[in-house]
């Protein structure tokens, strides 16, 4: 492995820059931190270009370095300081790499069971919903541009590898995409505080659906709500007026998948 000791190295600067959304979009790459997520990304066919391995842990990560090299990455040995400069986490896990972004899907090739995020801005919520969708058996994430960037390190850490297994598509026109999906037989289901009782109105055995989860403060936007075939409200039997977006999404996703 080539050794890098300076934070001014061009490769170090490039990988550090991938913490920024604009840089990710321009490069078509994202930064993946830690052995587990790096192996998950490689296992799903994403291509690593450059990988950094902490020099003091080179023996521990020998197999990881070999896997990255076999996938076509340039592998570098770096000091702890360099790794801390590049990584988003305060305590890096000893390795990171730049990976190609996964390909988005369009309406013609959309997965059958989607969760659509309408302005969900908290990275932890986006990643948690993504991870829960994977666990519940949904097979796609549709996001408006107003959501947290799905390829940010915080979202991907919260997704815990599901960000590589469950495809995502970000759209500038969520209402338009939902209209296209409806034309293809999808049921659009929106969470709403003024909807019908959830357990009475939830569709059973829906083959194709998009469950819409709205912004943490404002909920589902008016234009998207108008497109909903079904509007549902989770019961609030205690004093709380609403649920965290990721918690509400999890309950609804599992109930929608109950009979599938």
C-alpha atoms as a PDB file:
ATOM      1  CA  UNK A   1       0.000   0.000   0.000  1.00  0.00           C
ATOM      2  CA  UNK A   2       1.106   3.522  -0.757  1.00  0.00           C
ATOM      3  CA  UNK A   3       1.619   5.574   2.409  1.00  0.00           C
ATOM      4  CA  UNK A   4       0.019   8.990   2.962  1.00  0.00           C
ATOM      5  CA  UNK A   5       0.952  11.152   5.931  1.00  0.00           C
ATOM      6  CA  UNK A   6      -0.166  14.634   4.887  1.00  0.00           C
ATOM      7  CA  UNK A   7      -3.705  16.036   5.016  1.00  0.00           C
ATOM      8  CA  UNK A   8      -2.711  18.159   2.011  1.00  0.00           C
ATOM      9  CA  UNK A   9      -2.451  15.073  -0.198  1.00  0.00           C
ATOM     10  CA  UNK A  10      -4.831  15.416  -3.212  1.00  0.00           C
ATOM     11  CA  UNK A  11      -6.512  12.060  -2.517  1.00  0.00           C
ATOM     12  CA  UNK A  12      -7.094  13.006   1.110  1.00  0.00           C
ATOM     13  CA  UNK A  13      -8.581  16.346   0.065  1.00  0.00           C
ATOM     14  CA  UNK A  14     -10.859  14.661  -2.467  1.00  0.00           C
ATOM     15  CA  UNK A  15     -12.198  12.113   0.005  1.00  0.00           C
ATOM     16  CA  UNK A  16     -12.630  14.752   2.683  1.00  0.00           C
ATOM     17  CA  UNK A  17     -14.641  16.805   0.211  1.00  0.00           C
ATOM     18  CA  UNK A  18     -17.174  13.961  -0.174  1.00  0.00           C
ATOM     19  CA  UNK A  19     -18.702  15.016   3.141  1.00  0.00           C
ATOM     20  CA  UNK A  20     -20.227  17.863   1.106  1.00  0.00           C
ATOM     21  CA  UNK A  21     -23.393  17.222  -0.938  1.00  0.00           C
ATOM     22  CA  UNK A  22     -22.264  19.250  -3.938  1.00  0.00           C
ATOM     23  CA  UNK A  23     -18.951  17.384  -4.101  1.00  0.00           C
ATOM     24  CA  UNK A  24     -20.770  14.042  -3.938  1.00  0.00           C
ATOM     25  CA  UNK A  25     -23.056  15.012  -6.790  1.00  0.00           C
ATOM     26  CA  UNK A  26     -20.176  16.264  -8.945  1.00  0.00           C
ATOM     27  CA  UNK A  27     -18.005  13.207  -8.303  1.00  0.00           C
ATOM     28  CA  UNK A  28     -20.826  10.647  -8.394  1.00  0.00           C
ATOM     29  CA  UNK A  29     -19.341   9.153  -5.238  1.00  0.00           C
ATOM     30  CA  UNK A  30     -19.959   8.996  -1.504  1.00  0.00           C
ATOM     31  CA  UNK A  31     -17.732   8.372   1.488  1.00  0.00           C
ATOM     32  CA  UNK A  32     -18.295   5.045   3.271  1.00  0.00           C
ATOM     33  CA  UNK A  33     -16.752   4.574   6.704  1.00  0.00           C
ATOM     34  CA  UNK A  34     -15.907   1.384   8.565  1.00  0.00           C
ATOM     35  CA  UNK A  35     -15.220  -2.197   7.503  1.00  0.00           C
ATOM     36  CA  UNK A  36     -18.812  -3.432   7.766  1.00  0.00           C
ATOM     37  CA  UNK A  37     -20.322  -0.746   5.555  1.00  0.00           C
ATOM     38  CA  UNK A  38     -17.442  -0.902   3.086  1.00  0.00           C
ATOM     39  CA  UNK A  39     -17.985  -4.640   2.629  1.00  0.00           C
ATOM     40  CA  UNK A  40     -21.762  -4.113   2.354  1.00  0.00           C
ATOM     41  CA  UNK A  41     -21.255  -1.509  -0.366  1.00  0.00           C
ATOM     42  CA  UNK A  42     -18.826  -3.701  -2.303  1.00  0.00           C
ATOM     43  CA  UNK A  43     -21.127  -6.689  -1.905  1.00  0.00           C
ATOM     44  CA  UNK A  44     -23.958  -4.764  -3.565  1.00  0.00           C
ATOM     45  CA  UNK A  45     -21.815  -3.910  -6.563  1.00  0.00           C
ATOM     46  CA  UNK A  46     -20.833  -0.337  -5.737  1.00  0.00           C
ATOM     47  CA  UNK A  47     -17.333   0.464  -6.984  1.00  0.00           C
ATOM     48  CA  UNK A  48     -14.639   1.835  -4.651  1.00  0.00           C
ATOM     49  CA  UNK A  49     -12.108   4.226  -6.184  1.00  0.00           C
ATOM     50  CA  UNK A  50      -9.843   5.071  -3.227  1.00  0.00           C
ATOM     51  CA  UNK A  51      -9.606   3.397   0.172  1.00  0.00           C
ATOM     52  CA  UNK A  52      -7.757   4.562   3.281  1.00  0.00           C
ATOM     53  CA  UNK A  53      -6.555   2.103   5.928  1.00  0.00           C
ATOM     54  CA  UNK A  54      -5.135   3.283   9.248  1.00  0.00           C
ATOM     55  CA  UNK A  55      -1.459   2.249   9.326  1.00  0.00           C
ATOM     56  CA  UNK A  56      -1.587   1.014  12.931  1.00  0.00           C
ATOM     57  CA  UNK A  57      -4.437  -1.347  12.027  1.00  0.00           C
ATOM     58  CA  UNK A  58      -3.034  -2.578   8.724  1.00  0.00           C
ATOM     59  CA  UNK A  59      -2.748  -6.176   9.914  1.00  0.00           C
ATOM     60  CA  UNK A  60      -6.333  -6.225  11.179  1.00  0.00           C
ATOM     61  CA  UNK A  61      -7.646  -4.841   7.901  1.00  0.00           C
ATOM     62  CA  UNK A  62      -5.447  -6.855   5.555  1.00  0.00           C
ATOM     63  CA  UNK A  63      -8.428  -8.785   4.159  1.00  0.00           C
ATOM     64  CA  UNK A  64     -10.419  -5.570   3.742  1.00  0.00           C
ATOM     65  CA  UNK A  65      -7.534  -3.922   1.893  1.00  0.00           C
ATOM     66  CA  UNK A  66      -7.326  -6.942  -0.392  1.00  0.00           C
ATOM     67  CA  UNK A  67     -11.059  -6.828  -1.099  1.00  0.00           C
ATOM     68  CA  UNK A  68     -10.932  -3.137  -1.937  1.00  0.00           C
ATOM     69  CA  UNK A  69      -7.988  -3.674  -4.254  1.00  0.00           C
ATOM     70  CA  UNK A  70      -9.765  -6.603  -5.926  1.00  0.00           C
ATOM     71  CA  UNK A  71     -12.724  -4.264  -6.584  1.00  0.00           C
ATOM     72  CA  UNK A  72     -10.407  -1.822  -8.348  1.00  0.00           C
ATOM     73  CA  UNK A  73      -9.658   0.641  -5.549  1.00  0.00           C
ATOM     74  CA  UNK A  74      -6.350   2.341  -4.928  1.00  0.00           C
ATOM     75  CA  UNK A  75      -5.541   1.460  -1.315  1.00  0.00           C
ATOM     76  CA  UNK A  76      -3.514   3.780   0.914  1.00  0.00           C
ATOM     77  CA  UNK A  77      -2.003   3.450   4.377  1.00  0.00           C
ATOM     78  CA  UNK A  78      -2.643   6.613   6.401  1.00  0.00           C
ATOM     79  CA  UNK A  79      -1.964   8.012   9.839  1.00  0.00           C
ATOM     80  CA  UNK A  80      -4.729   8.340  12.413  1.00  0.00           C
ATOM     81  CA  UNK A  81      -4.687  12.094  11.961  1.00  0.00           C
ATOM     82  CA  UNK A  82      -5.283  11.810   8.230  1.00  0.00           C
ATOM     83  CA  UNK A  83      -8.181   9.384   8.771  1.00  0.00           C
ATOM     84  CA  UNK A  84      -9.767  11.703  11.332  1.00  0.00           C
ATOM     85  CA  UNK A  85      -9.487  14.566   8.843  1.00  0.00           C
ATOM     86  CA  UNK A  86     -11.344  12.622   6.158  1.00  0.00           C
ATOM     87  CA  UNK A  87     -14.031  10.831   8.192  1.00  0.00           C
ATOM     88  CA  UNK A  88     -17.263  12.351   9.440  1.00  0.00           C
ATOM     89  CA  UNK A  89     -17.274  10.380  12.709  1.00  0.00           C
ATOM     90  CA  UNK A  90     -15.342  11.708  15.707  1.00  0.00           C
ATOM     91  CA  UNK A  91     -13.813   8.272  16.287  1.00  0.00           C
ATOM     92  CA  UNK A  92     -13.117   6.650  12.881  1.00  0.00           C
ATOM     93  CA  UNK A  93     -13.269   2.870  12.643  1.00  0.00           C
ATOM     94  CA  UNK A  94      -9.898   2.470  10.965  1.00  0.00           C
ATOM     95  CA  UNK A  95     -10.911   2.534   7.305  1.00  0.00           C
ATOM     96  CA  UNK A  96     -12.959   4.428   4.750  1.00  0.00           C
ATOM     97  CA  UNK A  97     -13.413   4.531   0.990  1.00  0.00           C
ATOM     98  CA  UNK A  98     -15.019   6.506  -1.812  1.00  0.00           C
ATOM     99  CA  UNK A  99     -17.735   4.461  -3.544  1.00  0.00           C
ATOM    100  CA  UNK A 100     -19.803   5.087  -6.651  1.00  0.00           C
ATOM    101  CA  UNK A 101     -23.360   6.244  -6.008  1.00  0.00           C
ATOM    102  CA  UNK A 102     -26.068   3.645  -6.686  1.00  0.00           C
ATOM    103  CA  UNK A 103     -28.226   4.168  -9.763  1.00  0.00           C
ATOM    104  CA  UNK A 104     -31.663   5.753  -9.182  1.00  0.00           C
ATOM    105  CA  UNK A 105     -34.898   4.267 -10.542  1.00  0.00           C
ATOM    106  CA  UNK A 106     -37.674   5.888 -12.575  1.00  0.00           C
ATOM    107  CA  UNK A 107     -41.422   5.273 -12.546  1.00  0.00           C
ATOM    108  CA  UNK A 108     -41.145   2.532 -15.180  1.00  0.00           C
ATOM    109  CA  UNK A 109     -38.680   0.572 -13.063  1.00  0.00           C
ATOM    110  CA  UNK A 110     -39.829   1.474  -9.567  1.00  0.00           C
ATOM    111  CA  UNK A 111     -39.951  -1.269  -6.927  1.00  0.00           C
ATOM    112  CA  UNK A 112     -43.454  -2.437  -6.000  1.00  0.00           C
ATOM    113  CA  UNK A 113     -43.439  -1.432  -2.324  1.00  0.00           C
ATOM    114  CA  UNK A 114     -42.160   2.081  -1.721  1.00  0.00           C
ATOM    115  CA  UNK A 115     -41.876   4.527   1.122  1.00  0.00           C
ATOM    116  CA  UNK A 116     -41.930   8.095  -0.188  1.00  0.00           C
ATOM    117  CA  UNK A 117     -40.371  10.824   1.949  1.00  0.00           C
ATOM    118  CA  UNK A 118     -41.868  14.278   1.484  1.00  0.00           C
ATOM    119  CA  UNK A 119     -39.388  16.741   2.967  1.00  0.00           C
ATOM    120  CA  UNK A 120     -38.058  14.534   5.794  1.00  0.00           C
ATOM    121  CA  UNK A 121     -35.037  16.588   6.765  1.00  0.00           C
ATOM    122  CA  UNK A 122     -33.443  14.881   9.750  1.00  0.00           C
ATOM    123  CA  UNK A 123     -30.627  12.539   8.588  1.00  0.00           C
ATOM    124  CA  UNK A 124     -31.280  10.163  11.473  1.00  0.00           C
ATOM    125  CA  UNK A 125     -34.951   9.861  10.523  1.00  0.00           C
ATOM    126  CA  UNK A 126     -34.147   9.259   6.856  1.00  0.00           C
ATOM    127  CA  UNK A 127     -31.593   6.565   7.679  1.00  0.00           C
ATOM    128  CA  UNK A 128     -33.822   4.906  10.272  1.00  0.00           C
ATOM    129  CA  UNK A 129     -36.792   4.809   7.880  1.00  0.00           C
ATOM    130  CA  UNK A 130     -34.514   3.328   5.217  1.00  0.00           C
ATOM    131  CA  UNK A 131     -33.283   0.635   7.597  1.00  0.00           C
ATOM    132  CA  UNK A 132     -36.821  -0.142   8.808  1.00  0.00           C
ATOM    133  CA  UNK A 133     -38.113  -0.361   5.245  1.00  0.00           C
ATOM    134  CA  UNK A 134     -35.431  -2.943   4.534  1.00  0.00           C
ATOM    135  CA  UNK A 135     -36.349  -4.930   7.645  1.00  0.00           C
ATOM    136  CA  UNK A 136     -40.101  -4.795   6.956  1.00  0.00           C
ATOM    137  CA  UNK A 137     -39.693  -5.943   3.359  1.00  0.00           C
ATOM    138  CA  UNK A 138     -40.296  -2.750   1.390  1.00  0.00           C
ATOM    139  CA  UNK A 139     -38.000  -2.536  -1.588  1.00  0.00           C
ATOM    140  CA  UNK A 140     -37.553   1.108  -2.542  1.00  0.00           C
ATOM    141  CA  UNK A 141     -37.188   4.634  -1.162  1.00  0.00           C
ATOM    142  CA  UNK A 142     -38.514   7.654  -3.045  1.00  0.00           C
ATOM    143  CA  UNK A 143     -37.429  11.068  -1.773  1.00  0.00           C
ATOM    144  CA  UNK A 144     -38.192  14.676  -2.578  1.00  0.00           C
ATOM    145  CA  UNK A 145     -35.195  16.955  -3.093  1.00  0.00           C
ATOM    146  CA  UNK A 146     -36.140  18.721   0.163  1.00  0.00           C
ATOM    147  CA  UNK A 147     -35.183  15.655   2.200  1.00  0.00           C
ATOM    148  CA  UNK A 148     -31.814  15.103   3.843  1.00  0.00           C
ATOM    149  CA  UNK A 149     -29.265  13.922   1.286  1.00  0.00           C
ATOM    150  CA  UNK A 150     -29.497  10.102   1.260  1.00  0.00           C
ATOM    151  CA  UNK A 151     -25.774   9.743   0.592  1.00  0.00           C
ATOM    152  CA  UNK A 152     -24.563  11.843   3.502  1.00  0.00           C
ATOM    153  CA  UNK A 153     -22.464   9.948   6.060  1.00  0.00           C
ATOM    154  CA  UNK A 154     -25.059  10.528   8.811  1.00  0.00           C
ATOM    155  CA  UNK A 155     -27.899   9.044   6.767  1.00  0.00           C
ATOM    156  CA  UNK A 156     -25.839   6.048   5.711  1.00  0.00           C
ATOM    157  CA  UNK A 157     -24.691   5.348   9.272  1.00  0.00           C
ATOM    158  CA  UNK A 158     -28.310   5.397  10.453  1.00  0.00           C
ATOM    159  CA  UNK A 159     -29.319   3.130   7.551  1.00  0.00           C
ATOM    160  CA  UNK A 160     -26.731   0.554   8.713  1.00  0.00           C
ATOM    161  CA  UNK A 161     -26.129  -0.935   5.258  1.00  0.00           C
ATOM    162  CA  UNK A 162     -29.755  -0.803   4.095  1.00  0.00           C
ATOM    163  CA  UNK A 163     -28.760   2.199   1.984  1.00  0.00           C
ATOM    164  CA  UNK A 164     -26.876  -0.212  -0.259  1.00  0.00           C
ATOM    165  CA  UNK A 165     -29.544  -2.943  -0.346  1.00  0.00           C
ATOM    166  CA  UNK A 166     -32.704  -0.890  -0.882  1.00  0.00           C
ATOM    167  CA  UNK A 167     -32.590   1.388  -3.953  1.00  0.00           C
ATOM    168  CA  UNK A 168     -33.360   5.084  -3.647  1.00  0.00           C
ATOM    169  CA  UNK A 169     -34.460   7.730  -6.113  1.00  0.00           C
ATOM    170  CA  UNK A 170     -34.455  11.469  -5.410  1.00  0.00           C
ATOM    171  CA  UNK A 171     -36.874  13.584  -7.423  1.00  0.00           C
ATOM    172  CA  UNK A 172     -37.388  17.310  -7.951  1.00  0.00           C
ATOM    173  CA  UNK A 173     -41.082  16.600  -8.597  1.00  0.00           C
ATOM    174  CA  UNK A 174     -42.483  14.206  -6.001  1.00  0.00           C
ATOM    175  CA  UNK A 175     -46.132  14.913  -6.940  1.00  0.00           C
ATOM    176  CA  UNK A 176     -45.329  14.205 -10.591  1.00  0.00           C
ATOM    177  CA  UNK A 177     -43.576  10.954  -9.726  1.00  0.00           C
ATOM    178  CA  UNK A 178     -46.511   9.859  -7.574  1.00  0.00           C
ATOM    179  CA  UNK A 179     -48.915  10.644 -10.426  1.00  0.00           C
ATOM    180  CA  UNK A 180     -46.817   8.446 -12.717  1.00  0.00           C
ATOM    181  CA  UNK A 181     -46.862   5.662 -10.150  1.00  0.00           C
ATOM    182  CA  UNK A 182     -50.643   5.916  -9.719  1.00  0.00           C
ATOM    183  CA  UNK A 183     -51.002   5.559 -13.494  1.00  0.00           C
ATOM    184  CA  UNK A 184     -49.051   2.321 -13.150  1.00  0.00           C
ATOM    185  CA  UNK A 185     -51.365   0.882 -10.518  1.00  0.00           C
ATOM    186  CA  UNK A 186     -49.753   2.054  -7.283  1.00  0.00           C
ATOM    187  CA  UNK A 187     -51.888   2.987  -4.286  1.00  0.00           C
ATOM    188  CA  UNK A 188     -50.652   6.233  -2.706  1.00  0.00           C
ATOM    189  CA  UNK A 189     -51.051   6.140   1.084  1.00  0.00           C
ATOM    190  CA  UNK A 190     -50.406   9.276   3.133  1.00  0.00           C
ATOM    191  CA  UNK A 191     -49.998   9.722   6.854  1.00  0.00           C
ATOM    192  CA  UNK A 192     -52.342  12.485   8.037  1.00  0.00           C
ATOM    193  CA  UNK A 193     -53.539  13.759  11.408  1.00  0.00           C
ATOM    194  CA  UNK A 194     -56.958  14.180   9.750  1.00  0.00           C
ATOM    195  CA  UNK A 195     -57.006  10.767   8.090  1.00  0.00           C
ATOM    196  CA  UNK A 196     -59.244   7.818   8.817  1.00  0.00           C
ATOM    197  CA  UNK A 197     -58.313   5.460  11.682  1.00  0.00           C
ATOM    198  CA  UNK A 198     -55.216   3.546  10.622  1.00  0.00           C
ATOM    199  CA  UNK A 199     -56.191  -0.003  11.504  1.00  0.00           C
ATOM    200  CA  UNK A 200     -59.582   0.377   9.824  1.00  0.00           C
ATOM    201  CA  UNK A 201     -58.384   2.044   6.645  1.00  0.00           C
ATOM    202  CA  UNK A 202     -55.017   0.405   5.935  1.00  0.00           C
ATOM    203  CA  UNK A 203     -55.128  -1.391   2.546  1.00  0.00           C
ATOM    204  CA  UNK A 204     -54.804  -5.160   2.729  1.00  0.00           C
ATOM    205  CA  UNK A 205     -52.638  -7.177   0.341  1.00  0.00           C
ATOM    206  CA  UNK A 206     -51.726  -4.142  -1.763  1.00  0.00           C
ATOM    207  CA  UNK A 207     -49.430  -5.359  -4.534  1.00  0.00           C
ATOM    208  CA  UNK A 208     -48.025  -1.927  -5.370  1.00  0.00           C
ATOM    209  CA  UNK A 209     -48.055   1.051  -3.040  1.00  0.00           C
ATOM    210  CA  UNK A 210     -46.200   4.202  -2.018  1.00  0.00           C
ATOM    211  CA  UNK A 211     -46.448   5.107   1.662  1.00  0.00           C
ATOM    212  CA  UNK A 212     -45.850   8.861   2.031  1.00  0.00           C
ATOM    213  CA  UNK A 213     -44.187  10.172   5.206  1.00  0.00           C
ATOM    214  CA  UNK A 214     -44.182  13.938   5.579  1.00  0.00           C
ATOM    215  CA  UNK A 215     -41.903  16.578   7.008  1.00  0.00           C
ATOM    216  CA  UNK A 216     -41.262  16.357  10.748  1.00  0.00           C
ATOM    217  CA  UNK A 217     -42.989  19.688  11.480  1.00  0.00           C
ATOM    218  CA  UNK A 218     -45.392  20.294   8.578  1.00  0.00           C
ATOM    219  CA  UNK A 219     -46.400  16.771   7.610  1.00  0.00           C
ATOM    220  CA  UNK A 220     -47.250  15.774   4.043  1.00  0.00           C
ATOM    221  CA  UNK A 221     -47.426  18.737   1.645  1.00  0.00           C
ATOM    222  CA  UNK A 222     -50.813  19.803   0.325  1.00  0.00           C
ATOM    223  CA  UNK A 223     -50.091  18.890  -3.301  1.00  0.00           C
ATOM    224  CA  UNK A 224     -48.951  15.400  -2.347  1.00  0.00           C
ATOM    225  CA  UNK A 225     -51.857  14.930   0.057  1.00  0.00           C
ATOM    226  CA  UNK A 226     -54.313  15.662  -2.749  1.00  0.00           C
ATOM    227  CA  UNK A 227     -52.865  12.719  -4.684  1.00  0.00           C
ATOM    228  CA  UNK A 228     -53.349  10.236  -1.856  1.00  0.00           C
ATOM    229  CA  UNK A 229     -55.791   7.406  -2.475  1.00  0.00           C
ATOM    230  CA  UNK A 230     -55.838   6.686   1.255  1.00  0.00           C
ATOM    231  CA  UNK A 231     -55.158   9.022   4.201  1.00  0.00           C
ATOM    232  CA  UNK A 232     -54.455   7.336   7.513  1.00  0.00           C
ATOM    233  CA  UNK A 233     -54.016   8.473  11.110  1.00  0.00           C
ATOM    234  CA  UNK A 234     -52.300   6.405  13.779  1.00  0.00           C
ATOM    235  CA  UNK A 235     -54.258   6.265  17.051  1.00  0.00           C
ATOM    236  CA  UNK A 236     -53.001   8.491  19.875  1.00  0.00           C
ATOM    237  CA  UNK A 237     -54.374   6.909  23.024  1.00  0.00           C
ATOM    238  CA  UNK A 238     -52.230   8.864  25.461  1.00  0.00           C
ATOM    239  CA  UNK A 239     -51.347  12.506  25.772  1.00  0.00           C
ATOM    240  CA  UNK A 240     -48.941  12.722  22.820  1.00  0.00           C
ATOM    241  CA  UNK A 241     -50.285  14.523  19.764  1.00  0.00           C
ATOM    242  CA  UNK A 242     -47.948  12.926  17.234  1.00  0.00           C
ATOM    243  CA  UNK A 243     -45.077  10.490  16.737  1.00  0.00           C
ATOM    244  CA  UNK A 244     -41.535  10.872  15.479  1.00  0.00           C
ATOM    245  CA  UNK A 245     -41.539  10.456  11.686  1.00  0.00           C
ATOM    246  CA  UNK A 246     -39.349   7.342  11.750  1.00  0.00           C
ATOM    247  CA  UNK A 247     -41.448   5.682  14.477  1.00  0.00           C
ATOM    248  CA  UNK A 248     -44.701   6.398  12.647  1.00  0.00           C
ATOM    249  CA  UNK A 249     -43.220   5.141   9.380  1.00  0.00           C
ATOM    250  CA  UNK A 250     -42.060   1.927  11.042  1.00  0.00           C
ATOM    251  CA  UNK A 251     -45.487   1.119  12.474  1.00  0.00           C
ATOM    252  CA  UNK A 252     -47.215   1.797   9.173  1.00  0.00           C
ATOM    253  CA  UNK A 253     -44.705  -0.121   7.055  1.00  0.00           C
ATOM    254  CA  UNK A 254     -44.959  -3.251   9.174  1.00  0.00           C
ATOM    255  CA  UNK A 255     -48.761  -3.141   9.164  1.00  0.00           C
ATOM    256  CA  UNK A 256     -48.837  -2.700   5.380  1.00  0.00           C
ATOM    257  CA  UNK A 257     -46.576  -5.741   5.017  1.00  0.00           C
ATOM    258  CA  UNK A 258     -48.496  -7.895   7.519  1.00  0.00           C
ATOM    259  CA  UNK A 259     -50.317 -10.037   4.949  1.00  0.00           C
ATOM    260  CA  UNK A 260     -47.795  -9.970   2.090  1.00  0.00           C
END
